[in-house]
Amino acid sequence: MWDEAITHQRLVSPHLKNGAVVQLAPASAFASFEAFQAAVRALPLETATEPVPSVRFTALNGRRLSATYGETPTIDGVAIDYDAWPLFDGPFTHAAPGSRQLELTYGPMHRLLDFNTLSVRDWVDTDSPRQP
């Protein structure tokens, strides 16, 4: 790690072939951070740099991820269809490609930024299972 004026850190590697696998899980799924670390360390992980960089990883949920440089990554043996991906699709943001609309969500509260009409609409979904 290299400290940059103590405001942030950057991971720097002198090597040309690098990769990272990031495994996330809710804290409530594990008794402790140490239990989470042990579970992640026990997961199958295969890496190679020759003939090209590649990685195979089985996630905590059992999904098998595979990525090889120059090829489309796969999940459980099925190639990822990037054309079908939403522009944003997470717990707080949703947007379909080309829609020019971005929905922000926090618990039952919603805000729609509509760039087609340059308008903003807010509402509360009382049936929302998510709570802020």
N, C-alpha and C. Protein backbone atom coordinates (compact mmCIF):
# COMPACT_ATOMS: atom_id res chain seq x y z
N MET A 1 0.85 -1.18 0.00
CA MET A 1 0.00 0.00 0.00
C MET A 1 0.89 1.23 0.00
N TRP A 2 0.36 2.26 -0.58
CA TRP A 2 1.08 3.51 -0.65
C TRP A 2 0.17 4.60 -0.12
N ASP A 3 0.59 5.27 0.93
CA ASP A 3 -0.20 6.36 1.49
C ASP A 3 -0.05 7.60 0.63
N GLU A 4 -1.16 8.20 0.27
CA GLU A 4 -1.15 9.44 -0.50
C GLU A 4 -1.71 10.54 0.39
N ALA A 5 -0.82 11.28 1.03
CA ALA A 5 -1.19 12.41 1.89
C ALA A 5 -2.23 12.00 2.93
N ILE A 6 -2.25 10.74 3.32
CA ILE A 6 -3.10 10.19 4.36
C ILE A 6 -4.60 10.39 4.08
N THR A 7 -4.98 10.86 2.89
CA THR A 7 -6.39 11.04 2.58
C THR A 7 -7.01 9.76 2.02
N HIS A 8 -6.20 8.93 1.39
CA HIS A 8 -6.69 7.66 0.87
C HIS A 8 -5.49 6.76 0.59
N GLN A 9 -5.78 5.51 0.26
CA GLN A 9 -4.71 4.57 -0.05
C GLN A 9 -4.97 3.95 -1.41
N ARG A 10 -3.89 3.57 -2.06
CA ARG A 10 -3.99 2.93 -3.36
C ARG A 10 -3.14 1.67 -3.33
N LEU A 11 -3.68 0.58 -3.82
CA LEU A 11 -2.93 -0.66 -3.93
C LEU A 11 -2.12 -0.57 -5.23
N VAL A 12 -0.83 -0.71 -5.12
CA VAL A 12 0.05 -0.59 -6.28
C VAL A 12 0.82 -1.89 -6.43
N SER A 13 0.88 -2.40 -7.66
CA SER A 13 1.62 -3.62 -7.94
C SER A 13 2.57 -3.36 -9.10
N PRO A 14 3.81 -3.83 -8.99
CA PRO A 14 4.76 -3.67 -10.10
C PRO A 14 4.53 -4.71 -11.20
N HIS A 15 3.63 -5.66 -10.98
CA HIS A 15 3.41 -6.75 -11.93
C HIS A 15 2.41 -6.35 -13.00
N LEU A 16 2.52 -6.96 -14.17
CA LEU A 16 1.65 -6.62 -15.29
C LEU A 16 0.36 -7.42 -15.32
N LYS A 17 0.33 -8.55 -14.66
CA LYS A 17 -0.86 -9.41 -14.68
C LYS A 17 -1.42 -9.49 -13.26
N ASN A 18 -2.47 -8.74 -13.00
CA ASN A 18 -3.08 -8.67 -11.67
C ASN A 18 -4.56 -8.99 -11.76
N GLY A 19 -5.12 -9.35 -10.64
CA GLY A 19 -6.55 -9.57 -10.56
C GLY A 19 -6.97 -9.54 -9.11
N ALA A 20 -8.26 -9.41 -8.91
CA ALA A 20 -8.80 -9.41 -7.55
C ALA A 20 -10.17 -10.04 -7.57
N VAL A 21 -10.44 -10.82 -6.56
CA VAL A 21 -11.77 -11.38 -6.35
C VAL A 21 -12.29 -10.76 -5.06
N VAL A 22 -13.46 -10.15 -5.11
CA VAL A 22 -14.05 -9.51 -3.94
C VAL A 22 -15.32 -10.26 -3.59
N GLN A 23 -15.37 -10.80 -2.38
CA GLN A 23 -16.55 -11.53 -1.90
C GLN A 23 -17.23 -10.68 -0.85
N LEU A 24 -18.51 -10.42 -1.04
CA LEU A 24 -19.31 -9.63 -0.10
C LEU A 24 -20.36 -10.51 0.55
N ALA A 25 -20.76 -10.13 1.76
CA ALA A 25 -21.84 -10.82 2.45
C ALA A 25 -22.34 -9.91 3.56
N PRO A 26 -23.61 -10.04 3.93
CA PRO A 26 -24.10 -9.24 5.05
C PRO A 26 -23.44 -9.68 6.35
N ALA A 27 -23.15 -8.73 7.21
CA ALA A 27 -22.53 -9.06 8.50
C ALA A 27 -23.39 -10.03 9.29
N SER A 28 -24.70 -9.94 9.12
CA SER A 28 -25.61 -10.81 9.88
C SER A 28 -25.50 -12.29 9.48
N ALA A 29 -24.84 -12.57 8.36
CA ALA A 29 -24.72 -13.95 7.91
C ALA A 29 -23.61 -14.72 8.63
N PHE A 30 -22.79 -14.02 9.42
CA PHE A 30 -21.66 -14.65 10.08
C PHE A 30 -21.59 -14.21 11.53
N ALA A 31 -21.12 -15.11 12.37
CA ALA A 31 -21.02 -14.82 13.81
C ALA A 31 -19.98 -13.75 14.09
N SER A 32 -18.97 -13.65 13.23
CA SER A 32 -17.91 -12.67 13.43
C SER A 32 -17.21 -12.41 12.11
N PHE A 33 -16.38 -11.38 12.09
CA PHE A 33 -15.58 -11.11 10.90
C PHE A 33 -14.60 -12.26 10.66
N GLU A 34 -14.09 -12.83 11.72
CA GLU A 34 -13.17 -13.96 11.60
C GLU A 34 -13.88 -15.16 10.95
N ALA A 35 -15.14 -15.39 11.29
CA ALA A 35 -15.90 -16.48 10.67
C ALA A 35 -16.09 -16.23 9.18
N PHE A 36 -16.36 -14.99 8.82
CA PHE A 36 -16.48 -14.62 7.41
C PHE A 36 -15.16 -14.87 6.69
N GLN A 37 -14.05 -14.42 7.29
CA GLN A 37 -12.74 -14.61 6.68
C GLN A 37 -12.45 -16.10 6.47
N ALA A 38 -12.75 -16.92 7.46
CA ALA A 38 -12.52 -18.36 7.35
C ALA A 38 -13.36 -18.96 6.22
N ALA A 39 -14.61 -18.54 6.11
CA ALA A 39 -15.49 -19.05 5.05
C ALA A 39 -14.95 -18.67 3.68
N VAL A 40 -14.49 -17.43 3.54
CA VAL A 40 -13.96 -16.98 2.24
C VAL A 40 -12.68 -17.72 1.91
N ARG A 41 -11.81 -17.89 2.88
CA ARG A 41 -10.54 -18.60 2.63
C ARG A 41 -10.77 -20.06 2.23
N ALA A 42 -11.88 -20.64 2.65
CA ALA A 42 -12.18 -22.04 2.33
C ALA A 42 -12.80 -22.20 0.94
N LEU A 43 -13.15 -21.11 0.28
CA LEU A 43 -13.79 -21.20 -1.03
C LEU A 43 -12.79 -21.63 -2.10
N PRO A 44 -13.26 -22.43 -3.08
CA PRO A 44 -12.38 -22.83 -4.18
C PRO A 44 -11.98 -21.62 -5.03
N LEU A 45 -10.67 -21.51 -5.30
CA LEU A 45 -10.13 -20.44 -6.13
C LEU A 45 -8.99 -21.02 -6.96
N GLU A 46 -9.09 -20.87 -8.29
CA GLU A 46 -8.03 -21.32 -9.19
C GLU A 46 -7.59 -20.13 -10.02
N THR A 47 -6.30 -19.92 -10.13
CA THR A 47 -5.77 -18.83 -10.95
C THR A 47 -4.69 -19.36 -11.87
N ALA A 48 -4.50 -18.67 -12.98
CA ALA A 48 -3.42 -19.00 -13.92
C ALA A 48 -3.02 -17.72 -14.64
N THR A 49 -1.78 -17.66 -15.04
CA THR A 49 -1.33 -16.52 -15.85
C THR A 49 -0.95 -16.96 -17.25
N GLU A 50 -0.78 -18.25 -17.47
CA GLU A 50 -0.39 -18.76 -18.79
C GLU A 50 -1.43 -19.76 -19.27
N PRO A 51 -1.82 -19.77 -20.51
CA PRO A 51 -1.29 -18.91 -21.56
C PRO A 51 -1.80 -17.46 -21.48
N VAL A 52 -2.94 -17.25 -20.80
CA VAL A 52 -3.44 -15.90 -20.54
C VAL A 52 -4.00 -15.89 -19.12
N PRO A 53 -4.11 -14.73 -18.50
CA PRO A 53 -4.66 -14.68 -17.14
C PRO A 53 -6.08 -15.22 -17.08
N SER A 54 -6.35 -16.02 -16.05
CA SER A 54 -7.69 -16.55 -15.85
C SER A 54 -7.90 -16.83 -14.37
N VAL A 55 -9.17 -16.88 -13.99
CA VAL A 55 -9.54 -17.18 -12.61
C VAL A 55 -10.85 -17.95 -12.60
N ARG A 56 -10.96 -18.88 -11.68
CA ARG A 56 -12.21 -19.59 -11.41
C ARG A 56 -12.43 -19.50 -9.92
N PHE A 57 -13.66 -19.16 -9.55
CA PHE A 57 -13.97 -18.92 -8.14
C PHE A 57 -15.38 -19.40 -7.86
N THR A 58 -15.56 -20.08 -6.74
CA THR A 58 -16.90 -20.45 -6.30
C THR A 58 -17.24 -19.55 -5.12
N ALA A 59 -18.31 -18.77 -5.26
CA ALA A 59 -18.70 -17.78 -4.26
C ALA A 59 -19.42 -18.44 -3.09
N LEU A 60 -19.64 -17.65 -2.05
CA LEU A 60 -20.33 -18.15 -0.86
C LEU A 60 -21.71 -18.71 -1.19
N ASN A 61 -22.37 -18.15 -2.21
CA ASN A 61 -23.70 -18.63 -2.58
C ASN A 61 -23.65 -19.84 -3.51
N GLY A 62 -22.44 -20.36 -3.79
CA GLY A 62 -22.30 -21.54 -4.63
C GLY A 62 -22.17 -21.26 -6.11
N ARG A 63 -22.34 -20.02 -6.52
CA ARG A 63 -22.21 -19.69 -7.95
C ARG A 63 -20.75 -19.81 -8.37
N ARG A 64 -20.53 -20.37 -9.55
CA ARG A 64 -19.19 -20.55 -10.08
C ARG A 64 -18.89 -19.45 -11.10
N LEU A 65 -17.88 -18.66 -10.79
CA LEU A 65 -17.49 -17.54 -11.65
C LEU A 65 -16.20 -17.91 -12.36
N SER A 66 -16.12 -17.56 -13.65
CA SER A 66 -14.92 -17.86 -14.42
C SER A 66 -14.63 -16.68 -15.33
N ALA A 67 -13.38 -16.25 -15.36
CA ALA A 67 -12.98 -15.16 -16.23
C ALA A 67 -11.61 -15.47 -16.82
N THR A 68 -11.51 -15.33 -18.13
CA THR A 68 -10.26 -15.52 -18.85
C THR A 68 -10.05 -14.31 -19.74
N TYR A 69 -8.85 -13.75 -19.69
CA TYR A 69 -8.54 -12.56 -20.47
C TYR A 69 -8.89 -12.78 -21.94
N GLY A 70 -9.62 -11.82 -22.51
CA GLY A 70 -10.00 -11.88 -23.91
C GLY A 70 -11.28 -12.65 -24.18
N GLU A 71 -11.88 -13.22 -23.13
CA GLU A 71 -13.12 -13.98 -23.30
C GLU A 71 -14.22 -13.36 -22.42
N THR A 72 -15.47 -13.67 -22.74
CA THR A 72 -16.59 -13.21 -21.93
C THR A 72 -16.64 -14.03 -20.65
N PRO A 73 -16.69 -13.38 -19.49
CA PRO A 73 -16.79 -14.13 -18.23
C PRO A 73 -18.08 -14.96 -18.18
N THR A 74 -18.05 -16.00 -17.36
CA THR A 74 -19.23 -16.85 -17.20
C THR A 74 -19.62 -16.97 -15.74
N ILE A 75 -20.91 -17.20 -15.52
CA ILE A 75 -21.44 -17.52 -14.20
C ILE A 75 -22.16 -18.84 -14.35
N ASP A 76 -21.73 -19.84 -13.59
CA ASP A 76 -22.28 -21.19 -13.69
C ASP A 76 -22.25 -21.71 -15.12
N GLY A 77 -21.18 -21.39 -15.85
CA GLY A 77 -20.99 -21.87 -17.21
C GLY A 77 -21.73 -21.09 -18.28
N VAL A 78 -22.51 -20.09 -17.92
CA VAL A 78 -23.27 -19.30 -18.88
C VAL A 78 -22.59 -17.95 -19.07
N ALA A 79 -22.31 -17.60 -20.32
CA ALA A 79 -21.65 -16.33 -20.62
C ALA A 79 -22.52 -15.15 -20.18
N ILE A 80 -21.89 -14.15 -19.60
CA ILE A 80 -22.60 -12.95 -19.17
C ILE A 80 -23.06 -12.19 -20.40
N ASP A 81 -24.33 -11.82 -20.44
CA ASP A 81 -24.91 -11.06 -21.54
C ASP A 81 -24.89 -9.59 -21.16
N TYR A 82 -23.81 -8.90 -21.49
CA TYR A 82 -23.67 -7.50 -21.11
C TYR A 82 -24.74 -6.60 -21.73
N ASP A 83 -25.25 -6.98 -22.90
CA ASP A 83 -26.29 -6.17 -23.54
C ASP A 83 -27.58 -6.16 -22.74
N ALA A 84 -27.81 -7.17 -21.91
CA ALA A 84 -29.03 -7.26 -21.10
C ALA A 84 -28.87 -6.61 -19.73
N TRP A 85 -27.68 -6.16 -19.41
CA TRP A 85 -27.45 -5.56 -18.10
C TRP A 85 -28.15 -4.22 -17.98
N PRO A 86 -28.74 -3.95 -16.82
CA PRO A 86 -29.28 -2.62 -16.59
C PRO A 86 -28.12 -1.63 -16.42
N LEU A 87 -28.40 -0.37 -16.66
CA LEU A 87 -27.39 0.66 -16.46
C LEU A 87 -27.01 0.74 -14.99
N PHE A 88 -28.03 0.76 -14.11
CA PHE A 88 -27.86 0.69 -12.66
C PHE A 88 -28.87 -0.32 -12.14
N ASP A 89 -28.47 -1.19 -11.23
CA ASP A 89 -29.41 -2.11 -10.60
C ASP A 89 -28.83 -2.57 -9.28
N GLY A 90 -29.07 -1.79 -8.26
CA GLY A 90 -28.57 -2.11 -6.94
C GLY A 90 -29.65 -1.84 -5.92
N PRO A 91 -29.29 -1.91 -4.66
CA PRO A 91 -30.31 -1.69 -3.63
C PRO A 91 -30.81 -0.25 -3.56
N PHE A 92 -30.09 0.69 -4.17
CA PHE A 92 -30.47 2.10 -4.06
C PHE A 92 -30.67 2.80 -5.40
N THR A 93 -30.23 2.21 -6.50
CA THR A 93 -30.35 2.85 -7.80
C THR A 93 -30.83 1.85 -8.85
N HIS A 94 -31.68 2.32 -9.74
CA HIS A 94 -32.21 1.49 -10.82
C HIS A 94 -32.32 2.35 -12.08
N ALA A 95 -31.81 1.84 -13.21
CA ALA A 95 -31.95 2.54 -14.49
C ALA A 95 -31.75 1.54 -15.62
N ALA A 96 -32.68 1.54 -16.56
CA ALA A 96 -32.55 0.70 -17.74
C ALA A 96 -31.74 1.46 -18.79
N PRO A 97 -30.90 0.76 -19.56
CA PRO A 97 -30.14 1.45 -20.59
C PRO A 97 -31.06 2.18 -21.55
N GLY A 98 -30.71 3.39 -21.89
CA GLY A 98 -31.49 4.18 -22.84
C GLY A 98 -32.76 4.79 -22.28
N SER A 99 -33.12 4.50 -21.04
CA SER A 99 -34.37 5.02 -20.48
C SER A 99 -34.29 6.50 -20.14
N ARG A 100 -33.09 6.98 -19.87
CA ARG A 100 -32.86 8.36 -19.44
C ARG A 100 -33.63 8.66 -18.15
N GLN A 101 -33.84 7.61 -17.34
CA GLN A 101 -34.49 7.74 -16.04
C GLN A 101 -33.65 7.01 -15.00
N LEU A 102 -33.49 7.63 -13.84
CA LEU A 102 -32.76 7.03 -12.74
C LEU A 102 -33.64 7.06 -11.51
N GLU A 103 -33.92 5.88 -10.94
CA GLU A 103 -34.72 5.80 -9.72
C GLU A 103 -33.78 5.58 -8.54
N LEU A 104 -33.89 6.44 -7.54
CA LEU A 104 -33.13 6.33 -6.30
C LEU A 104 -34.07 5.82 -5.24
N THR A 105 -33.63 4.84 -4.45
CA THR A 105 -34.49 4.22 -3.45
C THR A 105 -33.77 4.18 -2.11
N TYR A 106 -34.50 4.51 -1.06
CA TYR A 106 -33.98 4.36 0.30
C TYR A 106 -35.14 3.92 1.16
N GLY A 107 -35.15 2.63 1.50
CA GLY A 107 -36.29 2.08 2.21
C GLY A 107 -37.53 2.27 1.37
N PRO A 108 -38.61 2.80 1.92
CA PRO A 108 -39.84 2.99 1.16
C PRO A 108 -39.84 4.27 0.32
N MET A 109 -38.79 5.10 0.45
CA MET A 109 -38.76 6.38 -0.26
C MET A 109 -38.14 6.22 -1.65
N HIS A 110 -38.75 6.86 -2.64
CA HIS A 110 -38.29 6.78 -4.03
C HIS A 110 -38.20 8.19 -4.60
N ARG A 111 -37.21 8.37 -5.47
CA ARG A 111 -37.09 9.61 -6.24
C ARG A 111 -36.73 9.20 -7.66
N LEU A 112 -37.50 9.69 -8.63
CA LEU A 112 -37.25 9.40 -10.03
C LEU A 112 -36.71 10.67 -10.69
N LEU A 113 -35.49 10.57 -11.23
CA LEU A 113 -34.92 11.65 -12.02
C LEU A 113 -35.18 11.29 -13.47
N ASP A 114 -36.04 12.06 -14.13
CA ASP A 114 -36.42 11.80 -15.51
C ASP A 114 -35.75 12.82 -16.40
N PHE A 115 -34.73 12.38 -17.13
CA PHE A 115 -33.98 13.28 -17.99
C PHE A 115 -34.67 13.47 -19.34
N ASN A 116 -35.74 12.73 -19.59
CA ASN A 116 -36.55 12.95 -20.79
C ASN A 116 -37.37 14.23 -20.64
N THR A 117 -37.91 14.42 -19.45
CA THR A 117 -38.78 15.57 -19.19
C THR A 117 -38.14 16.59 -18.26
N LEU A 118 -36.89 16.31 -17.84
CA LEU A 118 -36.18 17.16 -16.88
C LEU A 118 -37.03 17.40 -15.64
N SER A 119 -37.56 16.30 -15.11
CA SER A 119 -38.42 16.40 -13.94
C SER A 119 -37.95 15.45 -12.84
N VAL A 120 -38.45 15.72 -11.63
CA VAL A 120 -38.15 14.90 -10.46
C VAL A 120 -39.48 14.53 -9.83
N ARG A 121 -39.64 13.24 -9.50
CA ARG A 121 -40.87 12.79 -8.85
C ARG A 121 -40.49 12.00 -7.61
N ASP A 122 -41.13 12.29 -6.48
CA ASP A 122 -40.89 11.59 -5.22
C ASP A 122 -42.16 10.87 -4.79
N TRP A 123 -41.99 9.69 -4.16
CA TRP A 123 -43.12 8.98 -3.59
C TRP A 123 -42.63 8.04 -2.51
N VAL A 124 -43.56 7.58 -1.70
CA VAL A 124 -43.27 6.62 -0.64
C VAL A 124 -44.08 5.36 -0.93
N ASP A 125 -43.39 4.24 -0.97
CA ASP A 125 -44.02 2.94 -1.20
C ASP A 125 -44.27 2.31 0.16
N THR A 126 -45.49 2.34 0.62
CA THR A 126 -45.81 1.83 1.96
C THR A 126 -45.74 0.30 2.02
N ASP A 127 -45.70 -0.37 0.85
CA ASP A 127 -45.61 -1.82 0.82
C ASP A 127 -44.17 -2.31 0.69
N SER A 128 -43.21 -1.37 0.70
CA SER A 128 -41.81 -1.73 0.51
C SER A 128 -41.28 -2.52 1.68
N PRO A 129 -40.63 -3.68 1.41
CA PRO A 129 -40.05 -4.47 2.51
C PRO A 129 -38.76 -3.86 3.03
N ARG A 130 -38.12 -2.99 2.25
CA ARG A 130 -36.86 -2.40 2.67
C ARG A 130 -37.13 -1.25 3.66
N GLN A 131 -36.35 -1.20 4.67
CA GLN A 131 -36.47 -0.12 5.65
C GLN A 131 -35.14 0.62 5.73
N PRO A 132 -35.18 1.94 5.82
CA PRO A 132 -33.90 2.69 5.92
C PRO A 132 -33.21 2.40 7.24
